[in-house]
Amino acid sequence: MIIRLAQKTDMERILDIYNYEVLNSTASFDIKPKALDDRLEWFEKHTGRHPVIVAEVNEKAVGYASLSPYREKEGYAATVELSVYVSAHYRGYGIGKALMEEILKMARENGEIHTVISVITGGNEISVKLHESFGFVHCGTIKEAGRKFGKYLDIENYQLMV
């Protein structure tokens, strides 16, 4: 497995991984699959302190992690939101952990990032355990913040000071 910065040519695989979660899980509150143009626009916004990295196996991106602006207001500039997605066929092999390790290393080395936030859908214990293994702490629950598959869902906020 190779962990590297994502390239524009990875966007179709990233789109496939993300859209699978949109259609089959509550990991994302998007309801409709995204188009490639959307992912390309998203990718173009991820520069500097907001990188996207991929895990590559056999020359194929099988997972990705990103740091995104937490909010658009200037006062939040030192806070980023972490996202990690791994292809369903490659879970359980340590890919999520490897992606987390590298993206958090990048956050720490950046010098402009103070805190990393993750928003995890309630009940996603695998994601919670992964985040806690890196020192993230639970900093609040927002009850029934989203609705997907006919159910209201809580979101759990986790934070790591870097």
N, C-alpha and C. Protein backbone atom coordinates (compact mmCIF):
# COMPACT_ATOMS: atom_id res chain seq x y z
N MET A 1 0.85 -1.18 0.00
CA MET A 1 0.00 0.00 0.00
C MET A 1 0.89 1.24 0.00
N ILE A 2 0.49 2.22 -0.79
CA ILE A 2 1.17 3.50 -0.87
C ILE A 2 0.18 4.58 -0.43
N ILE A 3 0.62 5.47 0.44
CA ILE A 3 -0.18 6.64 0.81
C ILE A 3 0.49 7.83 0.12
N ARG A 4 -0.29 8.59 -0.65
CA ARG A 4 0.27 9.70 -1.40
C ARG A 4 -0.77 10.81 -1.55
N LEU A 5 -0.30 11.98 -1.97
CA LEU A 5 -1.23 13.06 -2.28
C LEU A 5 -2.12 12.64 -3.44
N ALA A 6 -3.38 12.99 -3.35
CA ALA A 6 -4.31 12.68 -4.44
C ALA A 6 -3.99 13.55 -5.66
N GLN A 7 -4.31 13.01 -6.80
CA GLN A 7 -4.16 13.72 -8.06
C GLN A 7 -5.52 13.80 -8.73
N LYS A 8 -5.62 14.68 -9.68
CA LYS A 8 -6.88 14.84 -10.42
C LYS A 8 -7.34 13.51 -11.02
N THR A 9 -6.39 12.70 -11.43
CA THR A 9 -6.73 11.40 -12.04
C THR A 9 -7.33 10.42 -11.03
N ASP A 10 -7.24 10.72 -9.75
CA ASP A 10 -7.84 9.86 -8.71
C ASP A 10 -9.32 10.18 -8.46
N MET A 11 -9.80 11.24 -9.03
CA MET A 11 -11.14 11.71 -8.68
C MET A 11 -12.25 10.74 -9.07
N GLU A 12 -12.10 9.98 -10.13
CA GLU A 12 -13.14 9.00 -10.46
C GLU A 12 -13.23 7.92 -9.40
N ARG A 13 -12.09 7.44 -8.90
CA ARG A 13 -12.09 6.41 -7.85
C ARG A 13 -12.63 7.01 -6.54
N ILE A 14 -12.20 8.22 -6.21
CA ILE A 14 -12.70 8.88 -5.01
C ILE A 14 -14.21 9.06 -5.11
N LEU A 15 -14.68 9.43 -6.28
CA LEU A 15 -16.12 9.58 -6.51
C LEU A 15 -16.84 8.25 -6.30
N ASP A 16 -16.29 7.16 -6.83
CA ASP A 16 -16.91 5.84 -6.65
C ASP A 16 -16.99 5.46 -5.17
N ILE A 17 -15.91 5.68 -4.44
CA ILE A 17 -15.87 5.35 -3.01
C ILE A 17 -16.90 6.18 -2.26
N TYR A 18 -16.93 7.48 -2.55
CA TYR A 18 -17.85 8.38 -1.85
C TYR A 18 -19.31 8.06 -2.20
N ASN A 19 -19.60 7.89 -3.46
CA ASN A 19 -20.99 7.63 -3.86
C ASN A 19 -21.51 6.31 -3.33
N TYR A 20 -20.65 5.33 -3.14
CA TYR A 20 -21.07 4.08 -2.51
C TYR A 20 -21.60 4.38 -1.10
N GLU A 21 -20.89 5.23 -0.37
CA GLU A 21 -21.32 5.59 0.99
C GLU A 21 -22.60 6.41 0.96
N VAL A 22 -22.72 7.30 -0.02
CA VAL A 22 -23.95 8.10 -0.14
C VAL A 22 -25.15 7.18 -0.31
N LEU A 23 -25.02 6.17 -1.14
CA LEU A 23 -26.14 5.29 -1.45
C LEU A 23 -26.38 4.19 -0.42
N ASN A 24 -25.36 3.81 0.33
CA ASN A 24 -25.46 2.61 1.16
C ASN A 24 -25.20 2.79 2.65
N SER A 25 -24.86 3.99 3.09
CA SER A 25 -24.55 4.15 4.51
C SER A 25 -24.96 5.54 5.00
N THR A 26 -24.78 5.73 6.27
CA THR A 26 -25.03 7.04 6.87
C THR A 26 -23.72 7.77 7.16
N ALA A 27 -22.62 7.32 6.58
CA ALA A 27 -21.34 7.99 6.77
C ALA A 27 -21.36 9.40 6.19
N SER A 28 -22.19 9.62 5.20
CA SER A 28 -22.38 10.94 4.61
C SER A 28 -23.87 11.26 4.65
N PHE A 29 -24.19 12.52 4.89
CA PHE A 29 -25.59 12.92 4.85
C PHE A 29 -26.02 13.38 3.47
N ASP A 30 -25.13 13.27 2.48
CA ASP A 30 -25.60 13.48 1.11
C ASP A 30 -26.60 12.38 0.80
N ILE A 31 -27.63 12.72 0.06
CA ILE A 31 -28.69 11.77 -0.28
C ILE A 31 -28.54 11.27 -1.71
N LYS A 32 -28.11 12.15 -2.59
CA LYS A 32 -27.95 11.81 -4.00
C LYS A 32 -26.47 11.70 -4.34
N PRO A 33 -26.11 10.75 -5.22
CA PRO A 33 -24.72 10.63 -5.64
C PRO A 33 -24.20 11.93 -6.25
N LYS A 34 -22.92 12.17 -6.06
CA LYS A 34 -22.27 13.34 -6.63
C LYS A 34 -21.80 13.04 -8.05
N ALA A 35 -21.70 14.09 -8.85
CA ALA A 35 -21.18 13.98 -10.21
C ALA A 35 -19.68 14.23 -10.19
N LEU A 36 -19.00 13.78 -11.22
CA LEU A 36 -17.55 13.97 -11.31
C LEU A 36 -17.19 15.45 -11.26
N ASP A 37 -17.96 16.31 -11.91
CA ASP A 37 -17.68 17.75 -11.88
C ASP A 37 -17.66 18.28 -10.46
N ASP A 38 -18.57 17.78 -9.62
CA ASP A 38 -18.63 18.19 -8.22
C ASP A 38 -17.35 17.79 -7.49
N ARG A 39 -16.89 16.56 -7.68
CA ARG A 39 -15.68 16.09 -7.01
C ARG A 39 -14.45 16.84 -7.51
N LEU A 40 -14.42 17.18 -8.79
CA LEU A 40 -13.30 17.95 -9.32
C LEU A 40 -13.27 19.34 -8.69
N GLU A 41 -14.43 19.96 -8.55
CA GLU A 41 -14.51 21.27 -7.89
C GLU A 41 -14.07 21.17 -6.44
N TRP A 42 -14.52 20.13 -5.75
CA TRP A 42 -14.13 19.87 -4.37
C TRP A 42 -12.61 19.71 -4.28
N PHE A 43 -12.03 18.95 -5.18
CA PHE A 43 -10.60 18.70 -5.19
C PHE A 43 -9.81 19.99 -5.39
N GLU A 44 -10.27 20.84 -6.27
CA GLU A 44 -9.57 22.10 -6.56
C GLU A 44 -9.50 23.00 -5.33
N LYS A 45 -10.42 22.84 -4.40
CA LYS A 45 -10.43 23.65 -3.17
C LYS A 45 -9.50 23.09 -2.10
N HIS A 46 -8.94 21.91 -2.34
CA HIS A 46 -8.10 21.25 -1.35
C HIS A 46 -6.63 21.43 -1.69
N THR A 47 -6.12 22.58 -1.26
CA THR A 47 -4.71 22.90 -1.45
C THR A 47 -4.16 23.39 -0.12
N GLY A 48 -2.86 23.52 -0.03
CA GLY A 48 -2.24 24.05 1.17
C GLY A 48 -2.58 23.25 2.41
N ARG A 49 -3.23 23.90 3.36
CA ARG A 49 -3.54 23.22 4.62
C ARG A 49 -4.73 22.26 4.49
N HIS A 50 -5.29 22.14 3.32
CA HIS A 50 -6.45 21.27 3.09
C HIS A 50 -6.14 20.19 2.05
N PRO A 51 -5.24 19.26 2.37
CA PRO A 51 -4.86 18.24 1.40
C PRO A 51 -5.87 17.10 1.29
N VAL A 52 -5.76 16.37 0.20
CA VAL A 52 -6.45 15.10 0.00
C VAL A 52 -5.37 14.08 -0.27
N ILE A 53 -5.43 12.96 0.43
CA ILE A 53 -4.48 11.89 0.20
C ILE A 53 -5.25 10.62 -0.15
N VAL A 54 -4.57 9.71 -0.82
CA VAL A 54 -5.19 8.44 -1.17
C VAL A 54 -4.30 7.29 -0.70
N ALA A 55 -4.96 6.16 -0.46
CA ALA A 55 -4.28 4.90 -0.24
C ALA A 55 -4.39 4.14 -1.56
N GLU A 56 -3.25 3.73 -2.07
CA GLU A 56 -3.22 3.05 -3.36
C GLU A 56 -2.76 1.61 -3.17
N VAL A 57 -3.51 0.68 -3.75
CA VAL A 57 -3.17 -0.73 -3.75
C VAL A 57 -3.24 -1.20 -5.20
N ASN A 58 -2.19 -1.82 -5.67
CA ASN A 58 -2.14 -2.28 -7.06
C ASN A 58 -2.53 -1.19 -8.05
N GLU A 59 -1.94 0.00 -7.83
CA GLU A 59 -2.15 1.16 -8.70
C GLU A 59 -3.60 1.64 -8.76
N LYS A 60 -4.35 1.38 -7.69
CA LYS A 60 -5.75 1.77 -7.63
C LYS A 60 -6.02 2.43 -6.28
N ALA A 61 -6.64 3.62 -6.30
CA ALA A 61 -7.00 4.29 -5.05
C ALA A 61 -8.13 3.50 -4.39
N VAL A 62 -7.89 3.09 -3.15
CA VAL A 62 -8.87 2.27 -2.42
C VAL A 62 -9.41 2.97 -1.18
N GLY A 63 -8.93 4.16 -0.93
CA GLY A 63 -9.40 4.95 0.19
C GLY A 63 -8.80 6.34 0.10
N TYR A 64 -9.40 7.27 0.82
CA TYR A 64 -8.86 8.63 0.83
C TYR A 64 -9.19 9.32 2.13
N ALA A 65 -8.42 10.35 2.41
CA ALA A 65 -8.66 11.20 3.58
C ALA A 65 -8.46 12.64 3.12
N SER A 66 -9.18 13.54 3.76
CA SER A 66 -9.05 14.95 3.43
C SER A 66 -9.18 15.81 4.67
N LEU A 67 -8.55 16.97 4.60
CA LEU A 67 -8.75 18.02 5.58
C LEU A 67 -9.44 19.16 4.84
N SER A 68 -10.60 19.55 5.35
CA SER A 68 -11.40 20.60 4.71
C SER A 68 -11.59 21.75 5.68
N PRO A 69 -11.88 22.93 5.14
CA PRO A 69 -12.21 24.04 6.06
C PRO A 69 -13.37 23.64 6.97
N TYR A 70 -13.24 23.96 8.25
CA TYR A 70 -14.32 23.62 9.19
C TYR A 70 -15.54 24.48 8.93
N ARG A 71 -15.35 25.76 8.77
CA ARG A 71 -16.39 26.71 8.41
C ARG A 71 -15.74 27.75 7.51
N GLU A 72 -16.53 28.51 6.82
CA GLU A 72 -15.99 29.49 5.87
C GLU A 72 -15.56 30.80 6.53
N LYS A 73 -15.91 31.03 7.78
CA LYS A 73 -15.55 32.28 8.45
C LYS A 73 -14.06 32.28 8.80
N GLU A 74 -13.42 33.45 8.67
CA GLU A 74 -11.98 33.58 8.85
C GLU A 74 -11.51 33.13 10.23
N GLY A 75 -12.33 33.34 11.25
CA GLY A 75 -11.95 32.97 12.60
C GLY A 75 -11.75 31.47 12.80
N TYR A 76 -12.26 30.67 11.88
CA TYR A 76 -12.10 29.22 11.94
C TYR A 76 -10.93 28.71 11.11
N ALA A 77 -10.10 29.60 10.60
CA ALA A 77 -9.04 29.21 9.66
C ALA A 77 -8.09 28.15 10.22
N ALA A 78 -7.86 28.11 11.51
CA ALA A 78 -6.92 27.16 12.10
C ALA A 78 -7.59 25.83 12.48
N THR A 79 -8.86 25.69 12.14
CA THR A 79 -9.60 24.46 12.42
C THR A 79 -9.95 23.79 11.09
N VAL A 80 -9.73 22.48 11.04
CA VAL A 80 -10.05 21.72 9.83
C VAL A 80 -10.95 20.55 10.19
N GLU A 81 -11.70 20.09 9.19
CA GLU A 81 -12.56 18.92 9.38
C GLU A 81 -11.96 17.75 8.61
N LEU A 82 -11.81 16.66 9.30
CA LEU A 82 -11.22 15.44 8.74
C LEU A 82 -12.31 14.52 8.20
N SER A 83 -12.05 13.97 7.03
CA SER A 83 -12.90 12.93 6.46
C SER A 83 -12.02 11.77 6.02
N VAL A 84 -12.48 10.55 6.27
CA VAL A 84 -11.77 9.34 5.85
C VAL A 84 -12.79 8.37 5.28
N TYR A 85 -12.52 7.88 4.08
CA TYR A 85 -13.39 6.90 3.42
C TYR A 85 -12.52 5.79 2.84
N VAL A 86 -12.94 4.56 3.05
CA VAL A 86 -12.24 3.39 2.50
C VAL A 86 -13.25 2.57 1.71
N SER A 87 -12.84 2.13 0.54
CA SER A 87 -13.69 1.28 -0.29
C SER A 87 -14.18 0.08 0.52
N ALA A 88 -15.43 -0.27 0.36
CA ALA A 88 -16.03 -1.38 1.11
C ALA A 88 -15.24 -2.68 0.94
N HIS A 89 -14.64 -2.89 -0.20
CA HIS A 89 -13.89 -4.11 -0.49
C HIS A 89 -12.53 -4.16 0.20
N TYR A 90 -12.09 -3.04 0.77
CA TYR A 90 -10.75 -2.97 1.36
C TYR A 90 -10.77 -2.64 2.85
N ARG A 91 -11.91 -2.75 3.48
CA ARG A 91 -12.00 -2.47 4.91
C ARG A 91 -11.43 -3.64 5.71
N GLY A 92 -10.91 -3.31 6.88
CA GLY A 92 -10.37 -4.34 7.76
C GLY A 92 -8.90 -4.65 7.51
N TYR A 93 -8.25 -3.89 6.65
CA TYR A 93 -6.83 -4.12 6.33
C TYR A 93 -5.92 -3.02 6.85
N GLY A 94 -6.44 -2.12 7.67
CA GLY A 94 -5.62 -1.06 8.23
C GLY A 94 -5.48 0.16 7.34
N ILE A 95 -6.25 0.24 6.28
CA ILE A 95 -6.13 1.36 5.34
C ILE A 95 -6.62 2.66 5.99
N GLY A 96 -7.74 2.61 6.70
CA GLY A 96 -8.24 3.79 7.38
C GLY A 96 -7.22 4.30 8.39
N LYS A 97 -6.62 3.40 9.13
CA LYS A 97 -5.61 3.78 10.13
C LYS A 97 -4.40 4.42 9.46
N ALA A 98 -3.95 3.86 8.34
CA ALA A 98 -2.79 4.42 7.63
C ALA A 98 -3.11 5.81 7.09
N LEU A 99 -4.31 5.99 6.55
CA LEU A 99 -4.72 7.30 6.05
C LEU A 99 -4.78 8.32 7.19
N MET A 100 -5.36 7.92 8.32
CA MET A 100 -5.46 8.82 9.49
C MET A 100 -4.07 9.22 9.96
N GLU A 101 -3.18 8.26 10.06
CA GLU A 101 -1.83 8.55 10.53
C GLU A 101 -1.16 9.59 9.64
N GLU A 102 -1.25 9.42 8.33
CA GLU A 102 -0.59 10.35 7.41
C GLU A 102 -1.26 11.72 7.39
N ILE A 103 -2.58 11.77 7.36
CA ILE A 103 -3.26 13.08 7.28
C ILE A 103 -3.05 13.86 8.58
N LEU A 104 -3.01 13.17 9.73
CA LEU A 104 -2.75 13.87 10.99
C LEU A 104 -1.30 14.34 11.09
N LYS A 105 -0.39 13.57 10.53
CA LYS A 105 1.01 14.02 10.45
C LYS A 105 1.09 15.30 9.64
N MET A 106 0.38 15.35 8.53
CA MET A 106 0.36 16.54 7.69
C MET A 106 -0.24 17.73 8.45
N ALA A 107 -1.29 17.49 9.22
CA ALA A 107 -1.91 18.56 10.00
C ALA A 107 -0.93 19.11 11.03
N ARG A 108 -0.22 18.21 11.71
CA ARG A 108 0.73 18.65 12.73
C ARG A 108 1.89 19.43 12.12
N GLU A 109 2.35 19.00 10.97
CA GLU A 109 3.49 19.65 10.32
C GLU A 109 3.11 20.96 9.63
N ASN A 110 1.84 21.18 9.42
CA ASN A 110 1.40 22.37 8.69
C ASN A 110 1.77 23.66 9.40
N GLY A 111 1.64 23.71 10.71
CA GLY A 111 1.98 24.91 11.45
C GLY A 111 0.85 25.93 11.54
N GLU A 112 -0.14 25.85 10.68
CA GLU A 112 -1.27 26.78 10.71
C GLU A 112 -2.54 26.13 11.24
N ILE A 113 -2.48 24.83 11.48
CA ILE A 113 -3.65 24.09 11.97
C ILE A 113 -3.53 23.91 13.47
N HIS A 114 -4.58 24.26 14.17
CA HIS A 114 -4.60 24.16 15.63
C HIS A 114 -5.45 22.97 16.11
N THR A 115 -6.56 22.73 15.43
CA THR A 115 -7.44 21.65 15.86
C THR A 115 -8.08 20.95 14.65
N VAL A 116 -8.29 19.65 14.81
CA VAL A 116 -8.92 18.83 13.78
C VAL A 116 -10.24 18.32 14.35
N ILE A 117 -11.30 18.50 13.59
CA ILE A 117 -12.64 18.09 13.99
C ILE A 117 -13.09 16.94 13.09
N SER A 118 -13.76 15.96 13.66
CA SER A 118 -14.43 14.93 12.88
C SER A 118 -15.89 14.88 13.32
N VAL A 119 -16.77 14.82 12.37
CA VAL A 119 -18.20 14.70 12.63
C VAL A 119 -18.60 13.29 12.22
N ILE A 120 -18.99 12.49 13.20
CA ILE A 120 -19.27 11.07 12.98
C ILE A 120 -20.74 10.81 13.24
N THR A 121 -21.39 10.13 12.32
CA THR A 121 -22.79 9.79 12.50
C THR A 121 -22.94 8.85 13.70
N GLY A 122 -23.91 9.13 14.54
CA GLY A 122 -24.17 8.30 15.71
C GLY A 122 -24.30 6.83 15.34
N GLY A 123 -23.68 5.98 16.14
CA GLY A 123 -23.74 4.55 15.90
C GLY A 123 -22.59 4.00 15.08
N ASN A 124 -21.73 4.86 14.55
CA ASN A 124 -20.60 4.39 13.74
C ASN A 124 -19.42 4.11 14.67
N GLU A 125 -19.51 3.00 15.39
CA GLU A 125 -18.52 2.67 16.42
C GLU A 125 -17.14 2.40 15.84
N ILE A 126 -17.06 1.89 14.63
CA ILE A 126 -15.74 1.64 14.02
C ILE A 126 -15.00 2.96 13.84
N SER A 127 -15.70 3.97 13.35
CA SER A 127 -15.08 5.29 13.17
C SER A 127 -14.72 5.91 14.52
N VAL A 128 -15.60 5.77 15.49
CA VAL A 128 -15.32 6.30 16.83
C VAL A 128 -14.04 5.68 17.38
N LYS A 129 -13.93 4.36 17.31
CA LYS A 129 -12.74 3.68 17.85
C LYS A 129 -11.48 4.09 17.11
N LEU A 130 -11.57 4.25 15.80
CA LEU A 130 -10.42 4.69 15.03
C LEU A 130 -9.98 6.08 15.50
N HIS A 131 -10.91 6.98 15.62
CA HIS A 131 -10.57 8.34 16.05
C HIS A 131 -10.01 8.35 17.48
N GLU A 132 -10.62 7.62 18.37
CA GLU A 132 -10.13 7.58 19.75
C GLU A 132 -8.73 7.00 19.82
N SER A 133 -8.40 6.06 18.93
CA SER A 133 -7.06 5.47 18.94
C SER A 133 -5.98 6.49 18.57
N PHE A 134 -6.38 7.60 17.95
CA PHE A 134 -5.45 8.67 17.61
C PHE A 134 -5.53 9.85 18.58
N GLY A 135 -6.30 9.68 19.65
CA GLY A 135 -6.37 10.71 20.68
C GLY A 135 -7.53 11.69 20.54
N PHE A 136 -8.40 11.49 19.57
CA PHE A 136 -9.58 12.36 19.46
C PHE A 136 -10.45 12.16 20.69
N VAL A 137 -11.06 13.25 21.14
CA VAL A 137 -11.97 13.17 22.28
C VAL A 137 -13.36 13.64 21.84
N HIS A 138 -14.36 13.02 22.43
CA HIS A 138 -15.75 13.38 22.15
C HIS A 138 -16.01 14.75 22.74
N CYS A 139 -16.56 15.65 21.95
CA CYS A 139 -16.80 17.01 22.45
C CYS A 139 -18.24 17.46 22.21
N GLY A 140 -19.13 16.50 21.99
CA GLY A 140 -20.53 16.87 21.91
C GLY A 140 -21.33 16.06 20.91
N THR A 141 -22.61 15.92 21.24
CA THR A 141 -23.57 15.23 20.38
C THR A 141 -24.63 16.23 19.97
N ILE A 142 -24.96 16.24 18.71
CA ILE A 142 -26.09 17.02 18.23
C ILE A 142 -27.17 16.01 17.85
N LYS A 143 -28.23 16.01 18.62
CA LYS A 143 -29.31 15.04 18.45
C LYS A 143 -30.08 15.27 17.16
N GLU A 144 -30.32 14.19 16.44
CA GLU A 144 -31.19 14.20 15.25
C GLU A 144 -30.85 15.35 14.30
N ALA A 145 -29.56 15.53 14.04
CA ALA A 145 -29.11 16.64 13.20
C ALA A 145 -29.34 16.39 11.72
N GLY A 146 -29.43 15.14 11.34
CA GLY A 146 -29.62 14.81 9.92
C GLY A 146 -30.68 13.75 9.75
N ARG A 147 -31.12 13.60 8.52
CA ARG A 147 -32.14 12.60 8.22
C ARG A 147 -31.69 11.84 6.97
N LYS A 148 -31.68 10.51 7.08
CA LYS A 148 -31.31 9.67 5.96
C LYS A 148 -31.97 8.31 6.13
N PHE A 149 -32.36 7.73 5.02
CA PHE A 149 -33.03 6.42 5.01
C PHE A 149 -34.24 6.41 5.93
N GLY A 150 -34.94 7.54 6.00
CA GLY A 150 -36.17 7.64 6.77
C GLY A 150 -35.99 7.77 8.27
N LYS A 151 -34.75 8.01 8.73
CA LYS A 151 -34.51 8.12 10.17
C LYS A 151 -33.73 9.40 10.47
N TYR A 152 -34.05 10.01 11.60
CA TYR A 152 -33.24 11.11 12.10
C TYR A 152 -32.02 10.52 12.79
N LEU A 153 -30.87 11.15 12.56
CA LEU A 153 -29.61 10.62 13.07
C LEU A 153 -28.84 11.68 13.85
N ASP A 154 -28.21 11.24 14.93
CA ASP A 154 -27.35 12.12 15.71
C ASP A 154 -25.99 12.25 15.03
N ILE A 155 -25.29 13.34 15.34
CA ILE A 155 -23.90 13.42 14.94
C ILE A 155 -23.06 13.60 16.21
N GLU A 156 -21.92 12.93 16.20
CA GLU A 156 -20.99 12.97 17.30
C GLU A 156 -19.78 13.76 16.86
N ASN A 157 -19.42 14.77 17.63
CA ASN A 157 -18.29 15.61 17.29
C ASN A 157 -17.05 15.17 18.08
N TYR A 158 -15.96 14.95 17.35
CA TYR A 158 -14.69 14.56 17.95
C TYR A 158 -13.63 15.58 17.59
N GLN A 159 -12.69 15.79 18.50
CA GLN A 159 -11.69 16.84 18.31
C GLN A 159 -10.31 16.36 18.75
N LEU A 160 -9.32 16.80 17.99
CA LEU A 160 -7.91 16.55 18.33
C LEU A 160 -7.16 17.85 18.18
N MET A 161 -6.49 18.25 19.25
CA MET A 161 -5.65 19.45 19.20
C MET A 161 -4.29 19.01 18.67
N VAL A 162 -3.82 19.69 17.62
CA VAL A 162 -2.53 19.31 17.04
C VAL A 162 -1.50 20.39 17.28
